[in-house]
């Protein structure tokens, strides 16, 4: 029986969809992969406004997505899709997609949203901004950012 080698095949368990990436983010990802044994990127695909990376480990990919959001801020979405059902065990096998969209603005920037100027105070799962007119803090969505 032939031994299956995941390193030499196009094997992957999930896709990291990077949007608006910069060199710092890509270097961070490469260092994380190099530090983790047994995890590899099987394919890199350039898309219109980013990069898709195919990873060999779902768990590593989810943790990497959370680290990216914690370190760089930005939008993170994790979704799963049914890939197959194992014949022997009837176990469902999923592949995951992790979307990480690096924001075009950073902490301290002033942006115009809904006809109002906001100063960006922080970025995590949501964006926190302070209105220049009223001085009130508001929670903003990433979709609202220019």
C-alpha atoms as a PDB file:
ATOM      1  CA  UNK A   1       0.000   0.000   0.000  1.00  0.00           C
ATOM      2  CA  UNK A   2       1.395   3.406  -0.997  1.00  0.00           C
ATOM      3  CA  UNK A   3       2.024   5.942   1.762  1.00  0.00           C
ATOM      4  CA  UNK A   4       0.120   9.212   1.263  1.00  0.00           C
ATOM      5  CA  UNK A   5       2.422  12.218   1.631  1.00  0.00           C
ATOM      6  CA  UNK A   6       0.554  15.467   2.278  1.00  0.00           C
ATOM      7  CA  UNK A   7       3.660  17.618   1.754  1.00  0.00           C
ATOM      8  CA  UNK A   8       4.074  16.766  -1.935  1.00  0.00           C
ATOM      9  CA  UNK A   9       0.409  16.928  -2.939  1.00  0.00           C
ATOM     10  CA  UNK A  10      -2.072  19.755  -3.333  1.00  0.00           C
ATOM     11  CA  UNK A  11      -3.684  18.758  -0.015  1.00  0.00           C
ATOM     12  CA  UNK A  12      -5.457  21.518   1.909  1.00  0.00           C
ATOM     13  CA  UNK A  13      -8.042  21.836   4.661  1.00  0.00           C
ATOM     14  CA  UNK A  14      -8.760  25.537   4.389  1.00  0.00           C
ATOM     15  CA  UNK A  15      -8.183  28.785   2.528  1.00  0.00           C
ATOM     16  CA  UNK A  16      -6.945  32.070   3.964  1.00  0.00           C
ATOM     17  CA  UNK A  17      -8.371  34.860   1.822  1.00  0.00           C
ATOM     18  CA  UNK A  18      -6.220  37.965   2.349  1.00  0.00           C
ATOM     19  CA  UNK A  19      -7.619  41.227   1.038  1.00  0.00           C
ATOM     20  CA  UNK A  20      -5.605  44.463   0.841  1.00  0.00           C
ATOM     21  CA  UNK A  21      -2.494  42.718   2.263  1.00  0.00           C
ATOM     22  CA  UNK A  22       0.854  44.414   2.713  1.00  0.00           C
ATOM     23  CA  UNK A  23       4.350  42.971   3.062  1.00  0.00           C
ATOM     24  CA  UNK A  24       4.258  43.077   6.855  1.00  0.00           C
ATOM     25  CA  UNK A  25       1.151  40.856   6.997  1.00  0.00           C
ATOM     26  CA  UNK A  26       2.612  38.348   4.518  1.00  0.00           C
ATOM     27  CA  UNK A  27       5.913  38.203   6.465  1.00  0.00           C
ATOM     28  CA  UNK A  28       3.935  37.640   9.682  1.00  0.00           C
ATOM     29  CA  UNK A  29       2.077  34.708   8.085  1.00  0.00           C
ATOM     30  CA  UNK A  30       5.293  33.162   6.712  1.00  0.00           C
ATOM     31  CA  UNK A  31       6.951  33.363  10.167  1.00  0.00           C
ATOM     32  CA  UNK A  32       3.932  31.743  11.836  1.00  0.00           C
ATOM     33  CA  UNK A  33       4.002  28.862   9.319  1.00  0.00           C
ATOM     34  CA  UNK A  34       7.781  28.421   9.702  1.00  0.00           C
ATOM     35  CA  UNK A  35       7.465  28.239  13.507  1.00  0.00           C
ATOM     36  CA  UNK A  36       4.735  25.588  13.370  1.00  0.00           C
ATOM     37  CA  UNK A  37       5.920  22.134  12.356  1.00  0.00           C
ATOM     38  CA  UNK A  38       3.691  20.003  10.147  1.00  0.00           C
ATOM     39  CA  UNK A  39       1.774  22.957   8.697  1.00  0.00           C
ATOM     40  CA  UNK A  40       2.384  24.147   5.173  1.00  0.00           C
ATOM     41  CA  UNK A  41       0.929  26.341   2.451  1.00  0.00           C
ATOM     42  CA  UNK A  42       0.137  24.105  -0.519  1.00  0.00           C
ATOM     43  CA  UNK A  43      -0.878  26.808  -2.986  1.00  0.00           C
ATOM     44  CA  UNK A  44      -0.807  30.603  -3.414  1.00  0.00           C
ATOM     45  CA  UNK A  45      -3.255  32.271  -5.805  1.00  0.00           C
ATOM     46  CA  UNK A  46      -3.243  35.989  -6.616  1.00  0.00           C
ATOM     47  CA  UNK A  47      -6.692  37.523  -6.932  1.00  0.00           C
ATOM     48  CA  UNK A  48      -7.770  41.036  -7.916  1.00  0.00           C
ATOM     49  CA  UNK A  49      -7.295  42.774  -4.548  1.00  0.00           C
ATOM     50  CA  UNK A  50      -5.403  40.191  -2.552  1.00  0.00           C
ATOM     51  CA  UNK A  51      -4.089  36.683  -2.158  1.00  0.00           C
ATOM     52  CA  UNK A  52      -5.545  33.233  -1.399  1.00  0.00           C
ATOM     53  CA  UNK A  53      -3.366  30.838   0.617  1.00  0.00           C
ATOM     54  CA  UNK A  54      -4.272  27.138   0.875  1.00  0.00           C
ATOM     55  CA  UNK A  55      -3.331  25.688   4.292  1.00  0.00           C
ATOM     56  CA  UNK A  56      -2.906  22.100   5.459  1.00  0.00           C
ATOM     57  CA  UNK A  57      -4.460  22.612   8.909  1.00  0.00           C
ATOM     58  CA  UNK A  58      -7.884  23.998   9.801  1.00  0.00           C
ATOM     59  CA  UNK A  59      -7.073  24.588  13.464  1.00  0.00           C
ATOM     60  CA  UNK A  60      -3.864  26.476  12.627  1.00  0.00           C
ATOM     61  CA  UNK A  61      -5.721  28.528  10.014  1.00  0.00           C
ATOM     62  CA  UNK A  62      -8.437  29.607  12.463  1.00  0.00           C
ATOM     63  CA  UNK A  63      -5.849  30.558  15.093  1.00  0.00           C
ATOM     64  CA  UNK A  64      -3.820  32.448  12.481  1.00  0.00           C
ATOM     65  CA  UNK A  65      -6.904  34.430  11.447  1.00  0.00           C
ATOM     66  CA  UNK A  66      -7.550  35.436  15.061  1.00  0.00           C
ATOM     67  CA  UNK A  67      -3.886  36.430  15.518  1.00  0.00           C
ATOM     68  CA  UNK A  68      -4.003  38.547  12.358  1.00  0.00           C
ATOM     69  CA  UNK A  69      -7.060  40.401  13.628  1.00  0.00           C
ATOM     70  CA  UNK A  70      -5.523  40.911  17.069  1.00  0.00           C
ATOM     71  CA  UNK A  71      -2.190  42.222  15.727  1.00  0.00           C
ATOM     72  CA  UNK A  72      -3.284  44.214  12.663  1.00  0.00           C
ATOM     73  CA  UNK A  73      -6.988  44.888  13.269  1.00  0.00           C
ATOM     74  CA  UNK A  74      -9.333  44.288  10.385  1.00  0.00           C
ATOM     75  CA  UNK A  75     -12.328  42.277   9.327  1.00  0.00           C
ATOM     76  CA  UNK A  76     -12.305  38.532  10.049  1.00  0.00           C
ATOM     77  CA  UNK A  77     -14.897  36.059   8.807  1.00  0.00           C
ATOM     78  CA  UNK A  78     -14.636  32.299   9.288  1.00  0.00           C
ATOM     79  CA  UNK A  79     -16.987  30.011   7.385  1.00  0.00           C
ATOM     80  CA  UNK A  80     -17.130  26.286   6.738  1.00  0.00           C
ATOM     81  CA  UNK A  81     -18.360  24.293   3.779  1.00  0.00           C
ATOM     82  CA  UNK A  82     -19.201  20.611   3.590  1.00  0.00           C
ATOM     83  CA  UNK A  83     -16.518  18.913   1.501  1.00  0.00           C
ATOM     84  CA  UNK A  84     -17.350  15.201   1.707  1.00  0.00           C
ATOM     85  CA  UNK A  85     -18.620  12.393   3.883  1.00  0.00           C
ATOM     86  CA  UNK A  86     -16.233   9.598   4.855  1.00  0.00           C
ATOM     87  CA  UNK A  87     -17.496   6.241   3.654  1.00  0.00           C
ATOM     88  CA  UNK A  88     -16.200   4.122   6.512  1.00  0.00           C
ATOM     89  CA  UNK A  89     -17.265   6.313   9.433  1.00  0.00           C
ATOM     90  CA  UNK A  90     -20.008   8.471   7.843  1.00  0.00           C
ATOM     91  CA  UNK A  91     -18.186  11.444   9.345  1.00  0.00           C
ATOM     92  CA  UNK A  92     -18.760  14.809   7.672  1.00  0.00           C
ATOM     93  CA  UNK A  93     -15.578  16.534   6.467  1.00  0.00           C
ATOM     94  CA  UNK A  94     -15.543  20.321   6.147  1.00  0.00           C
ATOM     95  CA  UNK A  95     -13.182  22.806   4.532  1.00  0.00           C
ATOM     96  CA  UNK A  96     -12.963  26.291   5.959  1.00  0.00           C
ATOM     97  CA  UNK A  97     -12.535  29.749   4.496  1.00  0.00           C
ATOM     98  CA  UNK A  98     -10.975  32.479   6.612  1.00  0.00           C
ATOM     99  CA  UNK A  99     -11.421  35.957   5.160  1.00  0.00           C
ATOM    100  CA  UNK A 100      -9.092  38.615   6.560  1.00  0.00           C
ATOM    101  CA  UNK A 101      -9.578  42.080   5.127  1.00  0.00           C
ATOM    102  CA  UNK A 102      -6.937  44.588   6.160  1.00  0.00           C
ATOM    103  CA  UNK A 103      -8.577  47.994   6.607  1.00  0.00           C
ATOM    104  CA  UNK A 104      -7.621  50.925   4.419  1.00  0.00           C
ATOM    105  CA  UNK A 105      -7.577  53.224   7.464  1.00  0.00           C
ATOM    106  CA  UNK A 106      -5.683  53.018  10.752  1.00  0.00           C
ATOM    107  CA  UNK A 107      -6.059  54.192  14.337  1.00  0.00           C
ATOM    108  CA  UNK A 108      -5.970  57.989  14.527  1.00  0.00           C
ATOM    109  CA  UNK A 109      -7.244  58.583  10.975  1.00  0.00           C
ATOM    110  CA  UNK A 110     -10.276  60.766  10.296  1.00  0.00           C
ATOM    111  CA  UNK A 111     -12.928  59.382   7.935  1.00  0.00           C
ATOM    112  CA  UNK A 112     -16.276  60.654   6.693  1.00  0.00           C
ATOM    113  CA  UNK A 113     -19.145  58.208   7.310  1.00  0.00           C
ATOM    114  CA  UNK A 114     -22.872  58.958   6.985  1.00  0.00           C
ATOM    115  CA  UNK A 115     -22.099  62.651   6.441  1.00  0.00           C
ATOM    116  CA  UNK A 116     -20.147  62.907   9.710  1.00  0.00           C
ATOM    117  CA  UNK A 117     -16.401  63.024  10.413  1.00  0.00           C
ATOM    118  CA  UNK A 118     -15.115  60.292  12.749  1.00  0.00           C
ATOM    119  CA  UNK A 119     -11.718  59.823  14.360  1.00  0.00           C
ATOM    120  CA  UNK A 120     -10.794  56.117  14.488  1.00  0.00           C
ATOM    121  CA  UNK A 121     -10.041  55.172  18.116  1.00  0.00           C
ATOM    122  CA  UNK A 122      -9.657  51.410  17.810  1.00  0.00           C
ATOM    123  CA  UNK A 123     -10.144  48.420  15.566  1.00  0.00           C
ATOM    124  CA  UNK A 124     -11.042  44.887  16.588  1.00  0.00           C
ATOM    125  CA  UNK A 125     -14.139  42.953  15.649  1.00  0.00           C
ATOM    126  CA  UNK A 126     -15.758  46.335  15.118  1.00  0.00           C
ATOM    127  CA  UNK A 127     -14.394  49.820  14.541  1.00  0.00           C
ATOM    128  CA  UNK A 128     -14.703  52.366  17.338  1.00  0.00           C
ATOM    129  CA  UNK A 129     -14.831  56.004  16.305  1.00  0.00           C
ATOM    130  CA  UNK A 130     -15.465  59.369  17.924  1.00  0.00           C
ATOM    131  CA  UNK A 131     -17.657  61.868  16.123  1.00  0.00           C
ATOM    132  CA  UNK A 132     -15.887  65.191  15.533  1.00  0.00           C
ATOM    133  CA  UNK A 133     -19.197  67.112  15.744  1.00  0.00           C
ATOM    134  CA  UNK A 134     -20.782  65.571  18.854  1.00  0.00           C
ATOM    135  CA  UNK A 135     -17.771  64.004  20.582  1.00  0.00           C
ATOM    136  CA  UNK A 136     -19.691  60.743  21.133  1.00  0.00           C
ATOM    137  CA  UNK A 137     -18.097  57.339  20.635  1.00  0.00           C
ATOM    138  CA  UNK A 138     -19.808  55.054  18.148  1.00  0.00           C
ATOM    139  CA  UNK A 139     -19.342  51.488  17.003  1.00  0.00           C
ATOM    140  CA  UNK A 140     -18.904  51.340  13.235  1.00  0.00           C
ATOM    141  CA  UNK A 141     -18.942  48.444  10.803  1.00  0.00           C
ATOM    142  CA  UNK A 142     -15.997  47.652   8.525  1.00  0.00           C
ATOM    143  CA  UNK A 143     -18.391  47.811   5.566  1.00  0.00           C
ATOM    144  CA  UNK A 144     -18.978  51.499   6.327  1.00  0.00           C
ATOM    145  CA  UNK A 145     -15.290  52.429   6.019  1.00  0.00           C
ATOM    146  CA  UNK A 146     -14.165  54.015   2.744  1.00  0.00           C
END
